[in-house]
Amino acid sequence: MELRQYFVIVWRRWWLPVALVAIVLLASLFLRPSRSPQYYASMRFSMGIVPEPLRPNTYNYDRYYTYLTSEYLVDDFSEVVKSAAFAQAVSDRLAREPNPIQVPAGAIQGSTQSGKLHRILSVNVIWGDPGQLRLIADAVVKTLQEDNARFFAQLGAEGAQVFLLDPPNVGVVGAGLREKLDLPIRLVLALTAGLALV
């Protein structure tokens, strides 16, 4: 069959694919569940320990072990931040703040992500309420800076030195790629199905 005949057939029944696309479009727009906004707070830290004092007439490794310890600390704390113990410490701190809020440790653990790049620790928290998110992010910062020794006994009572490089920056989580492509894919499939029916 020639392409011209295909075109004539489609032209005679053009309303079928158009109607199918319109039905899918309206159904997708009206039946799609409403998306509640999500917010994120991102922060970055550097870590280290107080170096031993330089001693005269003694080889001091040029601070080699101090730099090496910093790298190990970032590696370890990128996993500590994901732990239940850290989430519980943040939850306890939130309950003790002047404006206390009750946030379960499990919710904090499930909403917190961490990563590392070039000996810099990054922490991201995703939450549905921007006001609570700021309090949670502040509690994360204080827990890392003030309570880090409780997670590593080998650091001693003084713990590690944690420097906040980028304070918590709160923003709105954008739509994911799957959400963006969902409607166009549905419309293309509806058009394909309509042409097949024709």
Foldseek 3Di string as FASTA:
>chain_A
DDPVVLVVVCVVVVVQLVVLLVVLLVCCVPVPDDDQWKKKWKWKKFKWADQDDDDPPDDRVPCVVRVVVRLVVLVVVQVVQLDLVLLVQLQVVQCVDPNHDHDDSVQQNVQKHWDDDPSMIMIMGMDRDPVVNLSSQVSSVCCVAPVQCVVPVVCPPVHMHMDTPGRIDMDIDDDDPCVVCVSVVSSVVSSVVSSVVD
